[in-house]
Amino acid sequence: MDGTIRADIKPGILVNIILKKDQRSGALTEGVVKDILTSAPKHHRGIKVRLEDGQIGRVQEILED
């Protein structure tokens, strides 16, 4: 599942995000969602989240609910 719909993303789920510095390379970072930072219900590039380790990026895929 992709990460463009805010309702699909909840704190505590495992996701792959793309960090700002990795947008050119497309490298993904795996982590657990701590906070949802995007207030809009949808975002075409992915909902922005903060992971439990403090990294911030846009969700590219949801790995588990």
C-alpha atoms as a PDB file:
ATOM      1  CA  MET A   1       0.000   0.000   0.000  1.00  0.00           C
ATOM      2  CA  ASP A   2       1.354   3.442  -0.829  1.00  0.00           C
ATOM      3  CA  GLY A   3       1.485   6.294   1.652  1.00  0.00           C
ATOM      4  CA  THR A   4      -0.558   8.996  -0.066  1.00  0.00           C
ATOM      5  CA  ILE A   5      -3.719   8.752   2.095  1.00  0.00           C
ATOM      6  CA  ARG A   6      -3.462  10.058   5.674  1.00  0.00           C
ATOM      7  CA  ALA A   7      -6.208   7.772   7.018  1.00  0.00           C
ATOM      8  CA  ASP A   8      -4.091   4.703   6.129  1.00  0.00           C
ATOM      9  CA  ILE A   9      -1.219   5.831   8.378  1.00  0.00           C
ATOM     10  CA  LYS A  10      -1.307   5.482  12.158  1.00  0.00           C
ATOM     11  CA  PRO A  11       1.400   5.905  14.808  1.00  0.00           C
ATOM     12  CA  GLY A  12       3.079   2.581  15.527  1.00  0.00           C
ATOM     13  CA  ILE A  13       2.959   1.090  12.003  1.00  0.00           C
ATOM     14  CA  LEU A  14       6.033   0.049  10.025  1.00  0.00           C
ATOM     15  CA  VAL A  15       6.675   2.079   6.870  1.00  0.00           C
ATOM     16  CA  ASN A  16       9.308   2.909   4.270  1.00  0.00           C
ATOM     17  CA  ILE A  17       9.920   6.644   3.920  1.00  0.00           C
ATOM     18  CA  ILE A  18      12.056   8.732   1.606  1.00  0.00           C
ATOM     19  CA  LEU A  19      14.187  11.347   3.333  1.00  0.00           C
ATOM     20  CA  LYS A  20      14.694  14.785   1.752  1.00  0.00           C
ATOM     21  CA  LYS A  21      18.400  14.024   1.172  1.00  0.00           C
ATOM     22  CA  ASP A  22      17.513  10.732  -0.587  1.00  0.00           C
ATOM     23  CA  GLN A  23      14.930  12.109  -3.035  1.00  0.00           C
ATOM     24  CA  ARG A  24      17.382  12.032  -5.962  1.00  0.00           C
ATOM     25  CA  SER A  25      18.680   8.508  -5.278  1.00  0.00           C
ATOM     26  CA  GLY A  26      15.322   7.076  -4.199  1.00  0.00           C
ATOM     27  CA  ALA A  27      16.854   5.311  -1.188  1.00  0.00           C
ATOM     28  CA  LEU A  28      14.190   4.254   1.327  1.00  0.00           C
ATOM     29  CA  THR A  29      14.427   4.253   5.123  1.00  0.00           C
ATOM     30  CA  GLU A  30      12.414   1.768   7.179  1.00  0.00           C
ATOM     31  CA  GLY A  31      10.968   2.741  10.533  1.00  0.00           C
ATOM     32  CA  VAL A  32       7.996   2.989  12.873  1.00  0.00           C
ATOM     33  CA  VAL A  33       5.729   6.063  12.679  1.00  0.00           C
ATOM     34  CA  LYS A  34       5.768   8.309  15.755  1.00  0.00           C
ATOM     35  CA  ASP A  35       3.936  11.417  14.467  1.00  0.00           C
ATOM     36  CA  ILE A  36       1.993  12.336  11.330  1.00  0.00           C
ATOM     37  CA  LEU A  37       3.080  15.784  10.133  1.00  0.00           C
ATOM     38  CA  THR A  38       0.867  16.285   7.057  1.00  0.00           C
ATOM     39  CA  SER A  39      -2.554  17.698   7.940  1.00  0.00           C
ATOM     40  CA  ALA A  40      -4.126  17.237   4.482  1.00  0.00           C
ATOM     41  CA  PRO A  41      -6.149  14.028   3.918  1.00  0.00           C
ATOM     42  CA  LYS A  42      -4.036  13.171   0.816  1.00  0.00           C
ATOM     43  CA  HIS A  43      -0.655  14.126  -0.590  1.00  0.00           C
ATOM     44  CA  HIS A  44       0.511  12.992  -4.028  1.00  0.00           C
ATOM     45  CA  ARG A  45       4.184  12.593  -2.950  1.00  0.00           C
ATOM     46  CA  GLY A  46       3.342  10.817   0.323  1.00  0.00           C
ATOM     47  CA  ILE A  47       2.241  11.785   3.817  1.00  0.00           C
ATOM     48  CA  LYS A  48       5.067  13.366   5.833  1.00  0.00           C
ATOM     49  CA  VAL A  49       5.827  11.572   9.108  1.00  0.00           C
ATOM     50  CA  ARG A  50       8.364  11.541  11.942  1.00  0.00           C
ATOM     51  CA  LEU A  51       9.769   8.124  12.784  1.00  0.00           C
ATOM     52  CA  GLU A  52      10.459   6.964  16.339  1.00  0.00           C
ATOM     53  CA  ASP A  53      14.179   7.584  15.748  1.00  0.00           C
ATOM     54  CA  GLY A  54      13.448  11.238  14.834  1.00  0.00           C
ATOM     55  CA  GLN A  55      13.940  11.052  11.052  1.00  0.00           C
ATOM     56  CA  ILE A  56      11.375  12.917   8.930  1.00  0.00           C
ATOM     57  CA  GLY A  57      10.268  11.939   5.438  1.00  0.00           C
ATOM     58  CA  ARG A  58       7.383  11.055   3.167  1.00  0.00           C
ATOM     59  CA  VAL A  59       5.774   7.610   3.313  1.00  0.00           C
ATOM     60  CA  GLN A  60       6.415   5.604   0.139  1.00  0.00           C
ATOM     61  CA  GLU A  61       4.919   2.313   1.316  1.00  0.00           C
ATOM     62  CA  ILE A  62       3.166   0.870   4.324  1.00  0.00           C
ATOM     63  CA  LEU A  63       4.790  -2.422   5.351  1.00  0.00           C
ATOM     64  CA  GLU A  64       2.400  -3.545   8.109  1.00  0.00           C
ATOM     65  CA  ASP A  65      -0.723  -2.316   9.912  1.00  0.00           C
END
